[in-house]
Amino acid sequence: MAAVDWGAVLERVKVNMLDILSAIAILAVGVLFAQFVRAIMRRSLAPRLPPHAYKPLENAVFYGLAILAGVLALYPLGLNLSSLVVAGGLTGIVVGLAAQNALGNLISGVFLLIEQPLRVGDPITVAGVSGVVANISFLSTTIRTWDGTLVRIPNSTVFNEQIVNYYRTRARRVEFLIGIHYQSSIEKAVEALMRLMDGHPYCLVNPAPEVFVEEYADSSVNLRVRCWAPPQVWFSTKTSLLTRLKSALEEAGVEIPYPQLDLHIASSQATLRVELEGGRST
């Protein structure tokens, strides 16, 4: 019976223990690094993102680093990482080609959540769609239009389009055009309109309201009416002013005209037939 070479056995065990300890050390350092990155994200990124958007991002970063540490920890145990790299690279190419649009939307969603050009509840116009932002996820943004329809827009489209955010401004201008009769007094009309806006609770004092002659049209003198209101009450302010405008002008003796046409007959010998109500004609 051959004698057991205990020295060689102990040497192999010693080598294996060193490999195992190295793998454990790499794994521990990787997990600690992942926790460090997560702590930085919680201090710098979490206050800027909504919870439903931040939590998946944190989990993706943390577990991604932990898995990378686990793969690196296999190297001291004799695993050939080159085969994993090749297999992972081929898999990544296939998945990347299959999910190119989704990846673009994901990256755009992260940038939108970091930059925050729009938030849930903001009235906006983007990609030809106007309404209130109902939800922002990593892949898409959902807008509830003014008539209540939900429209889902991919984040890559939102990120590349011009975004008009009506809520971020401190004041939004209310503006409309009103025509008065040529025989009415422009001064009285201006005074009545200024008095209407000065008495409205949401028309701001600064910037001040203004009324001026826009143009002398065919049937009326057109006045441009402007004031500023908080964006939250912009629509109600505009509808309120338009509703009360006619009464304010009537009280001031200013007439809002119908479209009219002056007819001039060139020849004095021409006969003009006029038909009156009741069927009689002259």
C-alpha atoms as a PDB file:
ATOM      1  CA  MET A   1       0.000   0.000   0.000  1.00  0.00           C
ATOM      2  CA  ALA A   2       1.420   3.327  -1.111  1.00  0.00           C
ATOM      3  CA  ALA A   3       2.069   5.892   1.563  1.00  0.00           C
ATOM      4  CA  VAL A   4      -0.047   9.055   1.497  1.00  0.00           C
ATOM      5  CA  ASP A   5       1.928  12.197   0.811  1.00  0.00           C
ATOM      6  CA  TRP A   6       0.315  14.371   3.464  1.00  0.00           C
ATOM      7  CA  GLY A   7       2.609  17.248   2.640  1.00  0.00           C
ATOM      8  CA  ALA A   8       1.242  17.439  -0.914  1.00  0.00           C
ATOM      9  CA  VAL A   9      -2.330  17.111   0.352  1.00  0.00           C
ATOM     10  CA  LEU A  10      -1.843  19.944   2.833  1.00  0.00           C
ATOM     11  CA  GLU A  11      -0.255  22.084   0.137  1.00  0.00           C
ATOM     12  CA  ARG A  12      -3.249  21.569  -2.146  1.00  0.00           C
ATOM     13  CA  VAL A  13      -5.656  22.335   0.711  1.00  0.00           C
ATOM     14  CA  LYS A  14      -3.657  25.449   1.532  1.00  0.00           C
ATOM     15  CA  VAL A  15      -3.844  26.613  -2.080  1.00  0.00           C
ATOM     16  CA  ASN A  16      -7.575  25.934  -2.234  1.00  0.00           C
ATOM     17  CA  MET A  17      -8.178  27.825   1.009  1.00  0.00           C
ATOM     18  CA  LEU A  18      -6.288  30.822  -0.332  1.00  0.00           C
ATOM     19  CA  ASP A  19      -8.420  30.759  -3.492  1.00  0.00           C
ATOM     20  CA  ILE A  20     -11.603  30.566  -1.447  1.00  0.00           C
ATOM     21  CA  LEU A  21     -10.483  33.396   0.830  1.00  0.00           C
ATOM     22  CA  SER A  22      -9.581  35.507  -2.216  1.00  0.00           C
ATOM     23  CA  ALA A  23     -12.997  34.893  -3.734  1.00  0.00           C
ATOM     24  CA  ILE A  24     -14.727  35.808  -0.474  1.00  0.00           C
ATOM     25  CA  ALA A  25     -12.617  38.952  -0.160  1.00  0.00           C
ATOM     26  CA  ILE A  26     -13.461  40.046  -3.734  1.00  0.00           C
ATOM     27  CA  LEU A  27     -17.142  39.380  -3.132  1.00  0.00           C
ATOM     28  CA  ALA A  28     -17.115  41.289   0.166  1.00  0.00           C
ATOM     29  CA  VAL A  29     -15.328  44.296  -1.340  1.00  0.00           C
ATOM     30  CA  GLY A  30     -17.766  44.307  -4.258  1.00  0.00           C
ATOM     31  CA  VAL A  31     -20.810  44.225  -1.982  1.00  0.00           C
ATOM     32  CA  LEU A  32     -19.355  46.975   0.207  1.00  0.00           C
ATOM     33  CA  PHE A  33     -18.714  49.079  -2.885  1.00  0.00           C
ATOM     34  CA  ALA A  34     -22.299  48.497  -4.041  1.00  0.00           C
ATOM     35  CA  GLN A  35     -23.582  49.636  -0.638  1.00  0.00           C
ATOM     36  CA  PHE A  36     -21.342  52.709  -0.827  1.00  0.00           C
ATOM     37  CA  VAL A  37     -22.747  53.628  -4.240  1.00  0.00           C
ATOM     38  CA  ARG A  38     -26.283  53.108  -2.942  1.00  0.00           C
ATOM     39  CA  ALA A  39     -25.623  55.413   0.012  1.00  0.00           C
ATOM     40  CA  ILE A  40     -24.370  58.135  -2.358  1.00  0.00           C
ATOM     41  CA  MET A  41     -27.459  57.714  -4.525  1.00  0.00           C
ATOM     42  CA  ARG A  42     -29.752  58.035  -1.506  1.00  0.00           C
ATOM     43  CA  ARG A  43     -28.113  61.292  -0.481  1.00  0.00           C
ATOM     44  CA  SER A  44     -27.808  62.945  -3.890  1.00  0.00           C
ATOM     45  CA  LEU A  45     -30.402  61.365  -6.198  1.00  0.00           C
ATOM     46  CA  ALA A  46     -33.273  60.190  -3.987  1.00  0.00           C
ATOM     47  CA  PRO A  47     -34.447  63.711  -3.003  1.00  0.00           C
ATOM     48  CA  ARG A  48     -34.701  64.691  -6.691  1.00  0.00           C
ATOM     49  CA  LEU A  49     -36.711  61.695  -7.938  1.00  0.00           C
ATOM     50  CA  PRO A  50     -40.165  60.400  -6.996  1.00  0.00           C
ATOM     51  CA  PRO A  51     -40.103  57.130  -4.995  1.00  0.00           C
ATOM     52  CA  HIS A  52     -41.672  55.058  -7.795  1.00  0.00           C
ATOM     53  CA  ALA A  53     -38.857  56.106 -10.130  1.00  0.00           C
ATOM     54  CA  TYR A  54     -35.914  56.109  -7.719  1.00  0.00           C
ATOM     55  CA  LYS A  55     -36.403  52.692  -6.106  1.00  0.00           C
ATOM     56  CA  PRO A  56     -36.063  50.603  -9.310  1.00  0.00           C
ATOM     57  CA  LEU A  57     -32.982  52.617 -10.277  1.00  0.00           C
ATOM     58  CA  GLU A  58     -31.362  52.016  -6.895  1.00  0.00           C
ATOM     59  CA  ASN A  59     -32.084  48.271  -7.034  1.00  0.00           C
ATOM     60  CA  ALA A  60     -30.739  48.002 -10.587  1.00  0.00           C
ATOM     61  CA  VAL A  61     -27.443  49.697  -9.673  1.00  0.00           C
ATOM     62  CA  PHE A  62     -26.975  47.833  -6.382  1.00  0.00           C
ATOM     63  CA  TYR A  63     -27.723  44.345  -7.688  1.00  0.00           C
ATOM     64  CA  GLY A  64     -25.803  44.989 -10.897  1.00  0.00           C
ATOM     65  CA  LEU A  65     -22.644  45.790  -8.929  1.00  0.00           C
ATOM     66  CA  ALA A  66     -23.239  42.830  -6.622  1.00  0.00           C
ATOM     67  CA  ILE A  67     -23.560  40.437  -9.572  1.00  0.00           C
ATOM     68  CA  LEU A  68     -20.388  41.873 -11.110  1.00  0.00           C
ATOM     69  CA  ALA A  69     -18.573  41.254  -7.833  1.00  0.00           C
ATOM     70  CA  GLY A  70     -19.863  37.678  -7.790  1.00  0.00           C
ATOM     71  CA  VAL A  71     -18.557  37.055 -11.303  1.00  0.00           C
ATOM     72  CA  LEU A  72     -15.147  38.508 -10.425  1.00  0.00           C
ATOM     73  CA  ALA A  73     -15.035  36.355  -7.284  1.00  0.00           C
ATOM     74  CA  LEU A  74     -15.149  33.221  -9.450  1.00  0.00           C
ATOM     75  CA  TYR A  75     -11.794  34.040 -11.053  1.00  0.00           C
ATOM     76  CA  PRO A  76      -9.582  32.854  -8.141  1.00  0.00           C
ATOM     77  CA  LEU A  77     -11.475  29.548  -8.150  1.00  0.00           C
ATOM     78  CA  GLY A  78     -10.211  28.775 -11.627  1.00  0.00           C
ATOM     79  CA  LEU A  79     -13.206  29.844 -13.708  1.00  0.00           C
ATOM     80  CA  ASN A  80     -12.224  31.117 -17.140  1.00  0.00           C
ATOM     81  CA  LEU A  81     -13.757  34.602 -17.344  1.00  0.00           C
ATOM     82  CA  SER A  82     -12.968  35.026 -21.013  1.00  0.00           C
ATOM     83  CA  SER A  83     -15.682  32.517 -21.959  1.00  0.00           C
ATOM     84  CA  LEU A  84     -18.166  34.386 -19.771  1.00  0.00           C
ATOM     85  CA  VAL A  85     -17.163  37.663 -21.324  1.00  0.00           C
ATOM     86  CA  VAL A  86     -17.624  36.315 -24.853  1.00  0.00           C
ATOM     87  CA  ALA A  87     -20.957  34.713 -23.990  1.00  0.00           C
ATOM     88  CA  GLY A  88     -22.110  37.847 -22.190  1.00  0.00           C
ATOM     89  CA  GLY A  89     -21.008  40.017 -25.089  1.00  0.00           C
ATOM     90  CA  LEU A  90     -22.928  37.955 -27.631  1.00  0.00           C
ATOM     91  CA  THR A  91     -25.974  37.886 -25.392  1.00  0.00           C
ATOM     92  CA  GLY A  92     -25.711  41.645 -24.881  1.00  0.00           C
ATOM     93  CA  ILE A  93     -25.586  42.259 -28.653  1.00  0.00           C
ATOM     94  CA  VAL A  94     -28.673  40.118 -29.253  1.00  0.00           C
ATOM     95  CA  VAL A  95     -30.616  41.684 -26.391  1.00  0.00           C
ATOM     96  CA  GLY A  96     -29.445  45.181 -27.365  1.00  0.00           C
ATOM     97  CA  LEU A  97     -30.673  44.792 -30.927  1.00  0.00           C
ATOM     98  CA  ALA A  98     -33.983  43.367 -29.753  1.00  0.00           C
ATOM     99  CA  ALA A  99     -34.566  46.047 -27.125  1.00  0.00           C
ATOM    100  CA  GLN A 100     -32.963  49.086 -28.768  1.00  0.00           C
ATOM    101  CA  ASN A 101     -36.105  51.234 -28.537  1.00  0.00           C
ATOM    102  CA  ALA A 102     -36.788  50.175 -24.965  1.00  0.00           C
ATOM    103  CA  LEU A 103     -33.223  51.001 -23.984  1.00  0.00           C
ATOM    104  CA  GLY A 104     -33.489  54.433 -25.612  1.00  0.00           C
ATOM    105  CA  ASN A 105     -36.722  55.099 -23.740  1.00  0.00           C
ATOM    106  CA  LEU A 106     -35.123  53.913 -20.497  1.00  0.00           C
ATOM    107  CA  ILE A 107     -32.124  56.222 -20.838  1.00  0.00           C
ATOM    108  CA  SER A 108     -34.368  59.136 -21.825  1.00  0.00           C
ATOM    109  CA  GLY A 109     -36.602  58.403 -18.835  1.00  0.00           C
ATOM    110  CA  VAL A 110     -33.637  58.552 -16.464  1.00  0.00           C
ATOM    111  CA  PHE A 111     -32.579  61.920 -17.897  1.00  0.00           C
ATOM    112  CA  LEU A 112     -36.145  63.247 -17.666  1.00  0.00           C
ATOM    113  CA  LEU A 113     -36.387  62.194 -14.027  1.00  0.00           C
ATOM    114  CA  ILE A 114     -33.017  63.789 -13.228  1.00  0.00           C
ATOM    115  CA  GLU A 115     -33.524  67.024 -15.160  1.00  0.00           C
ATOM    116  CA  GLN A 116     -37.264  67.216 -14.336  1.00  0.00           C
ATOM    117  CA  PRO A 117     -38.503  69.520 -17.122  1.00  0.00           C
ATOM    118  CA  LEU A 118     -41.953  68.219 -16.227  1.00  0.00           C
ATOM    119  CA  ARG A 119     -43.563  66.684 -13.158  1.00  0.00           C
ATOM    120  CA  VAL A 120     -46.763  64.824 -12.409  1.00  0.00           C
ATOM    121  CA  GLY A 121     -49.604  67.365 -12.356  1.00  0.00           C
ATOM    122  CA  ASP A 122     -47.919  69.915 -14.649  1.00  0.00           C
ATOM    123  CA  PRO A 123     -49.992  71.267 -17.563  1.00  0.00           C
ATOM    124  CA  ILE A 124     -47.795  70.874 -20.646  1.00  0.00           C
ATOM    125  CA  THR A 125     -47.702  70.617 -24.418  1.00  0.00           C
ATOM    126  CA  VAL A 126     -45.289  68.099 -25.951  1.00  0.00           C
ATOM    127  CA  ALA A 127     -45.233  66.325 -29.328  1.00  0.00           C
ATOM    128  CA  GLY A 128     -48.504  68.023 -30.266  1.00  0.00           C
ATOM    129  CA  VAL A 129     -50.314  66.714 -27.164  1.00  0.00           C
ATOM    130  CA  SER A 130     -51.628  69.137 -24.532  1.00  0.00           C
ATOM    131  CA  GLY A 131     -52.853  68.197 -21.085  1.00  0.00           C
ATOM    132  CA  VAL A 132     -51.760  67.369 -17.538  1.00  0.00           C
ATOM    133  CA  VAL A 133     -48.923  64.917 -16.791  1.00  0.00           C
ATOM    134  CA  ALA A 134     -50.527  61.845 -15.202  1.00  0.00           C
ATOM    135  CA  ASN A 135     -47.470  59.606 -14.810  1.00  0.00           C
ATOM    136  CA  ILE A 136     -43.750  59.482 -15.603  1.00  0.00           C
ATOM    137  CA  SER A 137     -42.114  56.049 -15.761  1.00  0.00           C
ATOM    138  CA  PHE A 138     -38.762  54.892 -17.075  1.00  0.00           C
ATOM    139  CA  LEU A 139     -40.171  53.961 -20.487  1.00  0.00           C
ATOM    140  CA  SER A 140     -43.013  56.387 -21.141  1.00  0.00           C
ATOM    141  CA  THR A 141     -44.862  59.512 -20.026  1.00  0.00           C
ATOM    142  CA  THR A 142     -48.642  59.507 -19.732  1.00  0.00           C
ATOM    143  CA  ILE A 143     -50.583  62.728 -20.349  1.00  0.00           C
ATOM    144  CA  ARG A 144     -54.253  63.252 -19.572  1.00  0.00           C
ATOM    145  CA  THR A 145     -55.536  65.592 -22.279  1.00  0.00           C
ATOM    146  CA  TRP A 146     -58.003  68.384 -21.597  1.00  0.00           C
ATOM    147  CA  ASP A 147     -60.899  66.131 -22.647  1.00  0.00           C
ATOM    148  CA  GLY A 148     -59.824  63.361 -20.279  1.00  0.00           C
ATOM    149  CA  THR A 149     -58.096  61.016 -22.734  1.00  0.00           C
ATOM    150  CA  LEU A 150     -54.904  59.289 -21.573  1.00  0.00           C
ATOM    151  CA  VAL A 151     -52.052  59.505 -24.097  1.00  0.00           C
ATOM    152  CA  ARG A 152     -48.858  57.472 -23.631  1.00  0.00           C
ATOM    153  CA  ILE A 153     -45.738  58.991 -25.230  1.00  0.00           C
ATOM    154  CA  PRO A 154     -42.361  57.168 -25.323  1.00  0.00           C
ATOM    155  CA  ASN A 155     -39.747  58.935 -23.239  1.00  0.00           C
ATOM    156  CA  SER A 156     -37.345  59.186 -26.170  1.00  0.00           C
ATOM    157  CA  THR A 157     -39.971  61.256 -28.008  1.00  0.00           C
ATOM    158  CA  VAL A 158     -40.599  63.453 -24.959  1.00  0.00           C
ATOM    159  CA  PHE A 159     -36.872  63.982 -24.422  1.00  0.00           C
ATOM    160  CA  ASN A 160     -36.233  65.019 -28.046  1.00  0.00           C
ATOM    161  CA  GLU A 161     -39.332  67.218 -28.458  1.00  0.00           C
ATOM    162  CA  GLN A 162     -39.861  70.798 -27.304  1.00  0.00           C
ATOM    163  CA  ILE A 163     -41.654  70.787 -23.940  1.00  0.00           C
ATOM    164  CA  VAL A 164     -43.922  73.710 -23.071  1.00  0.00           C
ATOM    165  CA  ASN A 165     -44.552  73.679 -19.319  1.00  0.00           C
ATOM    166  CA  TYR A 166     -47.272  76.129 -18.291  1.00  0.00           C
ATOM    167  CA  TYR A 167     -46.873  75.498 -14.566  1.00  0.00           C
ATOM    168  CA  ARG A 168     -43.211  76.366 -14.066  1.00  0.00           C
ATOM    169  CA  THR A 169     -43.709  80.049 -14.862  1.00  0.00           C
ATOM    170  CA  ARG A 170     -44.773  82.335 -12.017  1.00  0.00           C
ATOM    171  CA  ALA A 171     -47.414  84.036 -14.203  1.00  0.00           C
ATOM    172  CA  ARG A 172     -49.141  83.288 -17.493  1.00  0.00           C
ATOM    173  CA  ARG A 173     -50.633  85.904 -19.783  1.00  0.00           C
ATOM    174  CA  VAL A 174     -54.374  86.049 -20.466  1.00  0.00           C
ATOM    175  CA  GLU A 175     -54.943  87.628 -23.864  1.00  0.00           C
ATOM    176  CA  PHE A 176     -57.879  88.138 -26.219  1.00  0.00           C
ATOM    177  CA  LEU A 177     -59.127  90.465 -28.948  1.00  0.00           C
ATOM    178  CA  ILE A 178     -62.417  92.390 -28.761  1.00  0.00           C
ATOM    179  CA  GLY A 179     -63.984  94.603 -31.418  1.00  0.00           C
ATOM    180  CA  ILE A 180     -66.011  97.759 -30.668  1.00  0.00           C
ATOM    181  CA  HIS A 181     -68.215  99.894 -32.933  1.00  0.00           C
ATOM    182  CA  TYR A 182     -66.571 102.758 -34.815  1.00  0.00           C
ATOM    183  CA  GLN A 183     -69.114 105.129 -33.270  1.00  0.00           C
ATOM    184  CA  SER A 184     -68.239 104.001 -29.722  1.00  0.00           C
ATOM    185  CA  SER A 185     -65.663 105.796 -27.607  1.00  0.00           C
ATOM    186  CA  ILE A 186     -62.294 104.048 -27.511  1.00  0.00           C
ATOM    187  CA  GLU A 187     -61.446 105.813 -24.238  1.00  0.00           C
ATOM    188  CA  LYS A 188     -64.604 104.519 -22.523  1.00  0.00           C
ATOM    189  CA  ALA A 189     -63.949 101.010 -23.798  1.00  0.00           C
ATOM    190  CA  VAL A 190     -60.369 101.070 -22.502  1.00  0.00           C
ATOM    191  CA  GLU A 191     -61.500 102.397 -19.113  1.00  0.00           C
ATOM    192  CA  ALA A 192     -64.222  99.741 -18.814  1.00  0.00           C
ATOM    193  CA  LEU A 193     -61.850  96.908 -19.703  1.00  0.00           C
ATOM    194  CA  MET A 194     -59.124  98.175 -17.362  1.00  0.00           C
ATOM    195  CA  ARG A 195     -61.685  98.492 -14.567  1.00  0.00           C
ATOM    196  CA  LEU A 196     -62.824  94.925 -15.229  1.00  0.00           C
ATOM    197  CA  MET A 197     -59.289  93.535 -14.931  1.00  0.00           C
ATOM    198  CA  ASP A 198     -58.319  95.707 -11.959  1.00  0.00           C
ATOM    199  CA  GLY A 199     -61.315  94.347 -10.078  1.00  0.00           C
ATOM    200  CA  HIS A 200     -60.584  90.700 -10.849  1.00  0.00           C
ATOM    201  CA  PRO A 201     -58.950  88.860  -7.909  1.00  0.00           C
ATOM    202  CA  TYR A 202     -56.492  86.890 -10.083  1.00  0.00           C
ATOM    203  CA  CYS A 203     -55.314  89.601 -12.484  1.00  0.00           C
ATOM    204  CA  LEU A 204     -51.853  90.549 -11.249  1.00  0.00           C
ATOM    205  CA  VAL A 205     -50.856  94.127 -10.543  1.00  0.00           C
ATOM    206  CA  ASN A 206     -47.299  93.493 -11.721  1.00  0.00           C
ATOM    207  CA  PRO A 207     -47.072  92.987 -14.675  1.00  0.00           C
ATOM    208  CA  ALA A 208     -49.912  95.456 -15.052  1.00  0.00           C
ATOM    209  CA  PRO A 209     -52.958  94.822 -17.296  1.00  0.00           C
ATOM    210  CA  GLU A 210     -53.076  96.675 -20.577  1.00  0.00           C
ATOM    211  CA  VAL A 211     -55.578  97.529 -23.316  1.00  0.00           C
ATOM    212  CA  PHE A 212     -54.618  99.072 -26.658  1.00  0.00           C
ATOM    213  CA  VAL A 213     -55.885  99.423 -30.217  1.00  0.00           C
ATOM    214  CA  GLU A 214     -54.707  96.450 -32.247  1.00  0.00           C
ATOM    215  CA  GLU A 215     -56.148  97.427 -35.632  1.00  0.00           C
ATOM    216  CA  TYR A 216     -58.898  99.273 -37.463  1.00  0.00           C
ATOM    217  CA  ALA A 217     -60.746  96.395 -39.092  1.00  0.00           C
ATOM    218  CA  ASP A 218     -63.561  96.453 -41.654  1.00  0.00           C
ATOM    219  CA  SER A 219     -66.415  96.397 -39.148  1.00  0.00           C
ATOM    220  CA  SER A 220     -64.834  97.273 -35.817  1.00  0.00           C
ATOM    221  CA  VAL A 221     -61.985  98.835 -33.900  1.00  0.00           C
ATOM    222  CA  ASN A 222     -60.166  95.840 -32.436  1.00  0.00           C
ATOM    223  CA  LEU A 223     -58.725  96.190 -28.925  1.00  0.00           C
ATOM    224  CA  ARG A 224     -56.034  93.888 -27.564  1.00  0.00           C
ATOM    225  CA  VAL A 225     -56.721  93.015 -23.912  1.00  0.00           C
ATOM    226  CA  ARG A 226     -53.931  91.559 -21.737  1.00  0.00           C
ATOM    227  CA  CYS A 227     -53.365  90.692 -18.115  1.00  0.00           C
ATOM    228  CA  TRP A 228     -51.274  88.188 -16.155  1.00  0.00           C
ATOM    229  CA  ALA A 229     -52.559  85.486 -13.815  1.00  0.00           C
ATOM    230  CA  PRO A 230     -51.069  82.626 -11.757  1.00  0.00           C
ATOM    231  CA  PRO A 231     -50.786  79.532 -13.975  1.00  0.00           C
ATOM    232  CA  GLN A 232     -52.967  77.472 -11.624  1.00  0.00           C
ATOM    233  CA  VAL A 233     -55.984  79.742 -12.296  1.00  0.00           C
ATOM    234  CA  TRP A 234     -55.157  80.884 -15.816  1.00  0.00           C
ATOM    235  CA  PHE A 235     -58.077  79.129 -17.520  1.00  0.00           C
ATOM    236  CA  SER A 236     -60.680  80.194 -14.950  1.00  0.00           C
ATOM    237  CA  THR A 237     -59.402  83.784 -15.103  1.00  0.00           C
ATOM    238  CA  LYS A 238     -59.710  83.902 -18.885  1.00  0.00           C
ATOM    239  CA  THR A 239     -63.225  82.437 -18.947  1.00  0.00           C
ATOM    240  CA  SER A 240     -64.346  84.748 -16.149  1.00  0.00           C
ATOM    241  CA  LEU A 241     -63.104  87.850 -17.971  1.00  0.00           C
ATOM    242  CA  LEU A 242     -64.685  86.801 -21.246  1.00  0.00           C
ATOM    243  CA  THR A 243     -68.004  86.150 -19.518  1.00  0.00           C
ATOM    244  CA  ARG A 244     -68.115  89.553 -17.829  1.00  0.00           C
ATOM    245  CA  LEU A 245     -66.631  91.552 -20.709  1.00  0.00           C
ATOM    246  CA  LYS A 246     -69.881  92.125 -22.640  1.00  0.00           C
ATOM    247  CA  SER A 247     -71.733  93.475 -19.588  1.00  0.00           C
ATOM    248  CA  ALA A 248     -68.825  95.767 -18.699  1.00  0.00           C
ATOM    249  CA  LEU A 249     -68.804  97.310 -22.188  1.00  0.00           C
ATOM    250  CA  GLU A 250     -72.598  97.683 -22.286  1.00  0.00           C
ATOM    251  CA  GLU A 251     -72.597  99.479 -18.919  1.00  0.00           C
ATOM    252  CA  ALA A 252     -70.025 101.921 -20.330  1.00  0.00           C
ATOM    253  CA  GLY A 253     -72.197 102.554 -23.414  1.00  0.00           C
ATOM    254  CA  VAL A 254     -69.797 100.760 -25.768  1.00  0.00           C
ATOM    255  CA  GLU A 255     -71.305  98.672 -28.543  1.00  0.00           C
ATOM    256  CA  ILE A 256     -69.900  95.428 -29.894  1.00  0.00           C
ATOM    257  CA  PRO A 257     -70.810  95.545 -33.607  1.00  0.00           C
ATOM    258  CA  TYR A 258     -72.063  92.932 -36.031  1.00  0.00           C
ATOM    259  CA  PRO A 259     -70.097  92.529 -39.239  1.00  0.00           C
ATOM    260  CA  GLN A 260     -71.381  95.185 -41.648  1.00  0.00           C
ATOM    261  CA  LEU A 261     -70.894  96.216 -45.268  1.00  0.00           C
ATOM    262  CA  ASP A 262     -71.412  99.663 -46.778  1.00  0.00           C
ATOM    263  CA  LEU A 263     -72.851  99.487 -50.325  1.00  0.00           C
ATOM    264  CA  HIS A 264     -72.304 102.429 -52.679  1.00  0.00           C
ATOM    265  CA  ILE A 265     -74.265 102.620 -55.983  1.00  0.00           C
ATOM    266  CA  ALA A 266     -72.124 104.141 -58.710  1.00  0.00           C
ATOM    267  CA  SER A 267     -74.960 105.075 -61.139  1.00  0.00           C
ATOM    268  CA  SER A 268     -77.781 107.384 -60.063  1.00  0.00           C
ATOM    269  CA  GLN A 269     -80.047 105.816 -62.726  1.00  0.00           C
ATOM    270  CA  ALA A 270     -79.819 102.329 -61.288  1.00  0.00           C
ATOM    271  CA  THR A 271     -82.925 100.755 -59.821  1.00  0.00           C
ATOM    272  CA  LEU A 272     -82.582  99.085 -56.444  1.00  0.00           C
ATOM    273  CA  ARG A 273     -85.191  96.492 -55.565  1.00  0.00           C
ATOM    274  CA  VAL A 274     -85.796  96.129 -51.839  1.00  0.00           C
ATOM    275  CA  GLU A 275     -87.868  93.321 -50.353  1.00  0.00           C
ATOM    276  CA  LEU A 276     -89.405  94.078 -46.972  1.00  0.00           C
ATOM    277  CA  GLU A 277     -90.570  91.682 -44.311  1.00  0.00           C
ATOM    278  CA  GLY A 278     -94.070  90.477 -45.125  1.00  0.00           C
ATOM    279  CA  GLY A 279     -93.403  89.912 -48.767  1.00  0.00           C
ATOM    280  CA  ARG A 280     -93.855  93.480 -50.049  1.00  0.00           C
ATOM    281  CA  SER A 281     -91.245  94.863 -52.412  1.00  0.00           C
ATOM    282  CA  THR A 282     -90.374  98.402 -53.508  1.00  0.00           C
END
